[in-house]
Amino acid sequence: MLKNITTGEMLVHKLEHADTPAKAVQGLLGRSRIEDNYAMIIYHCQSIHTWYMKFSIDVIFLDPYKRVLCIVKNMAPWRYIGYIKGSEYAIESKVNSFSSRIAIGDQLAW
């Protein structure tokens, strides 16, 4: 589960943890789509790419305290987001699944 602590709102029920280097490298690559009510959190992540992906995603970068630093909406395949200063986590999700319900500075929990 992923929850916005600042607003008290539940964001997604299915949260996959990419908490090893192998899982982080794999990420969402090789999938044909993202399920509804699903997100993947990548640990120790300061940048991401969507090379070889088949669909667009929303990306939320969080600091070590799980506060929102950056929101990237509708990131198309074959794009790259460079270094996000202070980022510890990146959350990848289906476009428009919950990115409109968070704001910079909100604290999330899982």
C-alpha atoms as a PDB file:
ATOM      1  CA  MET A   1       0.000   0.000   0.000  1.00  0.00           C
ATOM      2  CA  LEU A   2       1.065   3.557  -0.681  1.00  0.00           C
ATOM      3  CA  LYS A   3      -0.482   6.357   1.343  1.00  0.00           C
ATOM      4  CA  ASN A   4      -0.156  10.140   1.308  1.00  0.00           C
ATOM      5  CA  ILE A   5       0.433  10.886   5.010  1.00  0.00           C
ATOM      6  CA  THR A   6      -0.005  14.625   4.451  1.00  0.00           C
ATOM      7  CA  THR A   7      -3.580  14.271   3.153  1.00  0.00           C
ATOM      8  CA  GLY A   8      -4.455  10.874   4.645  1.00  0.00           C
ATOM      9  CA  GLU A   9      -5.394   9.521   1.205  1.00  0.00           C
ATOM     10  CA  MET A  10      -4.656   5.968   0.054  1.00  0.00           C
ATOM     11  CA  LEU A  11      -2.893   6.172  -3.322  1.00  0.00           C
ATOM     12  CA  VAL A  12      -2.385   2.548  -4.450  1.00  0.00           C
ATOM     13  CA  HIS A  13      -2.991  -0.873  -2.926  1.00  0.00           C
ATOM     14  CA  LYS A  14      -0.390  -2.865  -4.878  1.00  0.00           C
ATOM     15  CA  LEU A  15       3.172  -1.630  -4.310  1.00  0.00           C
ATOM     16  CA  GLU A  16       6.075  -3.654  -5.697  1.00  0.00           C
ATOM     17  CA  HIS A  17       9.476  -3.040  -4.114  1.00  0.00           C
ATOM     18  CA  ALA A  18      12.555  -2.908  -6.353  1.00  0.00           C
ATOM     19  CA  ASP A  19      14.907  -3.040  -3.385  1.00  0.00           C
ATOM     20  CA  THR A  20      17.845  -4.907  -4.920  1.00  0.00           C
ATOM     21  CA  PRO A  21      20.128  -3.805  -7.761  1.00  0.00           C
ATOM     22  CA  ALA A  22      18.749  -6.537 -10.049  1.00  0.00           C
ATOM     23  CA  LYS A  23      15.125  -5.544  -9.405  1.00  0.00           C
ATOM     24  CA  ALA A  24      15.964  -1.856  -9.847  1.00  0.00           C
ATOM     25  CA  VAL A  25      17.645  -2.474 -13.213  1.00  0.00           C
ATOM     26  CA  GLN A  26      14.678  -4.546 -14.416  1.00  0.00           C
ATOM     27  CA  GLY A  27      12.070  -2.062 -13.162  1.00  0.00           C
ATOM     28  CA  LEU A  28       9.028  -2.093 -15.445  1.00  0.00           C
ATOM     29  CA  LEU A  29      10.993  -3.175 -18.525  1.00  0.00           C
ATOM     30  CA  GLY A  30       9.473  -6.057 -20.440  1.00  0.00           C
ATOM     31  CA  ARG A  31       5.913  -5.339 -19.353  1.00  0.00           C
ATOM     32  CA  SER A  32       3.233  -4.498 -21.869  1.00  0.00           C
ATOM     33  CA  ARG A  33       1.220  -2.376 -19.437  1.00  0.00           C
ATOM     34  CA  ILE A  34       0.815  -1.357 -15.789  1.00  0.00           C
ATOM     35  CA  GLU A  35      -2.143  -2.611 -13.792  1.00  0.00           C
ATOM     36  CA  ASP A  36      -4.606  -0.212 -12.220  1.00  0.00           C
ATOM     37  CA  ASN A  37      -3.974   0.547  -8.546  1.00  0.00           C
ATOM     38  CA  TYR A  38      -0.285  -0.491  -8.851  1.00  0.00           C
ATOM     39  CA  ALA A  39       3.083   1.222  -8.447  1.00  0.00           C
ATOM     40  CA  MET A  40       6.719   0.195  -8.222  1.00  0.00           C
ATOM     41  CA  ILE A  41       9.124   1.835  -5.801  1.00  0.00           C
ATOM     42  CA  ILE A  42      12.794   1.787  -6.725  1.00  0.00           C
ATOM     43  CA  TYR A  43      15.179   2.139  -3.793  1.00  0.00           C
ATOM     44  CA  HIS A  44      18.409   4.221  -3.893  1.00  0.00           C
ATOM     45  CA  CYS A  45      17.275   5.919  -7.093  1.00  0.00           C
ATOM     46  CA  GLN A  46      18.286   9.390  -8.260  1.00  0.00           C
ATOM     47  CA  SER A  47      17.482   9.100 -11.997  1.00  0.00           C
ATOM     48  CA  ILE A  48      15.461   6.889 -14.337  1.00  0.00           C
ATOM     49  CA  HIS A  49      14.978   6.130 -18.001  1.00  0.00           C
ATOM     50  CA  THR A  50      12.174   4.672 -20.084  1.00  0.00           C
ATOM     51  CA  TRP A  51      14.356   3.150 -22.805  1.00  0.00           C
ATOM     52  CA  TYR A  52      12.731   0.079 -24.360  1.00  0.00           C
ATOM     53  CA  MET A  53       9.456   0.680 -22.514  1.00  0.00           C
ATOM     54  CA  LYS A  54       6.163   0.232 -24.350  1.00  0.00           C
ATOM     55  CA  PHE A  55       4.109   2.848 -22.492  1.00  0.00           C
ATOM     56  CA  SER A  56       4.323   6.192 -20.674  1.00  0.00           C
ATOM     57  CA  ILE A  57       4.547   6.411 -16.886  1.00  0.00           C
ATOM     58  CA  ASP A  58       4.314   8.918 -14.056  1.00  0.00           C
ATOM     59  CA  VAL A  59       7.368   9.149 -11.790  1.00  0.00           C
ATOM     60  CA  ILE A  60       7.591  10.570  -8.285  1.00  0.00           C
ATOM     61  CA  PHE A  61      10.979  11.124  -6.638  1.00  0.00           C
ATOM     62  CA  LEU A  62      11.176  11.083  -2.831  1.00  0.00           C
ATOM     63  CA  ASP A  63      13.856  12.076  -0.336  1.00  0.00           C
ATOM     64  CA  PRO A  64      15.089   9.713   2.428  1.00  0.00           C
ATOM     65  CA  TYR A  65      12.161  10.856   4.629  1.00  0.00           C
ATOM     66  CA  LYS A  66       9.709   9.882   1.860  1.00  0.00           C
ATOM     67  CA  ARG A  67       8.793  13.493   1.043  1.00  0.00           C
ATOM     68  CA  VAL A  68       7.933  14.300  -2.564  1.00  0.00           C
ATOM     69  CA  LEU A  69      10.775  16.129  -4.326  1.00  0.00           C
ATOM     70  CA  CYS A  70       9.747  15.945  -7.970  1.00  0.00           C
ATOM     71  CA  ILE A  71       6.708  14.808  -9.980  1.00  0.00           C
ATOM     72  CA  VAL A  72       7.159  13.810 -13.624  1.00  0.00           C
ATOM     73  CA  LYS A  73       3.853  13.247 -15.405  1.00  0.00           C
ATOM     74  CA  ASN A  74       3.367  11.243 -18.596  1.00  0.00           C
ATOM     75  CA  MET A  75       7.019  10.337 -19.188  1.00  0.00           C
ATOM     76  CA  ALA A  76       7.082   8.813 -22.675  1.00  0.00           C
ATOM     77  CA  PRO A  77       9.197   5.835 -23.763  1.00  0.00           C
ATOM     78  CA  TRP A  78      12.814   6.560 -24.696  1.00  0.00           C
ATOM     79  CA  ARG A  79      13.206   9.439 -22.230  1.00  0.00           C
ATOM     80  CA  TYR A  80      15.727  10.056 -19.434  1.00  0.00           C
ATOM     81  CA  ILE A  81      15.428  11.990 -16.185  1.00  0.00           C
ATOM     82  CA  GLY A  82      18.860  12.991 -14.921  1.00  0.00           C
ATOM     83  CA  TYR A  83      20.073  13.285 -11.357  1.00  0.00           C
ATOM     84  CA  ILE A  84      17.439  14.490  -8.865  1.00  0.00           C
ATOM     85  CA  LYS A  85      19.350  16.000  -5.942  1.00  0.00           C
ATOM     86  CA  GLY A  86      18.372  14.464  -2.609  1.00  0.00           C
ATOM     87  CA  SER A  87      16.356  11.620  -4.117  1.00  0.00           C
ATOM     88  CA  GLU A  88      16.381   8.241  -2.370  1.00  0.00           C
ATOM     89  CA  TYR A  89      13.325   6.614  -3.981  1.00  0.00           C
ATOM     90  CA  ALA A  90      11.498   6.763  -7.308  1.00  0.00           C
ATOM     91  CA  ILE A  91       7.923   5.572  -7.674  1.00  0.00           C
ATOM     92  CA  GLU A  92       6.737   4.548 -11.138  1.00  0.00           C
ATOM     93  CA  SER A  93       3.028   4.271 -11.841  1.00  0.00           C
ATOM     94  CA  LYS A  94       0.395   4.282 -14.543  1.00  0.00           C
ATOM     95  CA  VAL A  95      -0.163   7.729 -16.056  1.00  0.00           C
ATOM     96  CA  ASN A  96      -2.674   9.756 -14.007  1.00  0.00           C
ATOM     97  CA  SER A  97      -3.167   6.988 -11.435  1.00  0.00           C
ATOM     98  CA  PHE A  98      -2.339   9.233  -8.471  1.00  0.00           C
ATOM     99  CA  SER A  99       0.159  11.944  -9.473  1.00  0.00           C
ATOM    100  CA  SER A 100      -2.569  14.602  -9.391  1.00  0.00           C
ATOM    101  CA  ARG A 101      -3.302  13.726  -5.741  1.00  0.00           C
ATOM    102  CA  ILE A 102       0.153  14.578  -4.425  1.00  0.00           C
ATOM    103  CA  ALA A 103       2.199  17.763  -4.201  1.00  0.00           C
ATOM    104  CA  ILE A 104       5.839  18.679  -3.694  1.00  0.00           C
ATOM    105  CA  GLY A 105       6.584  18.308   0.034  1.00  0.00           C
ATOM    106  CA  ASP A 106       3.864  15.727   0.757  1.00  0.00           C
ATOM    107  CA  GLN A 107       5.055  12.803   2.850  1.00  0.00           C
ATOM    108  CA  LEU A 108       4.252   9.291   1.667  1.00  0.00           C
ATOM    109  CA  ALA A 109       4.332   5.967   3.519  1.00  0.00           C
ATOM    110  CA  TRP A 110       4.322   2.273   2.678  1.00  0.00           C
END
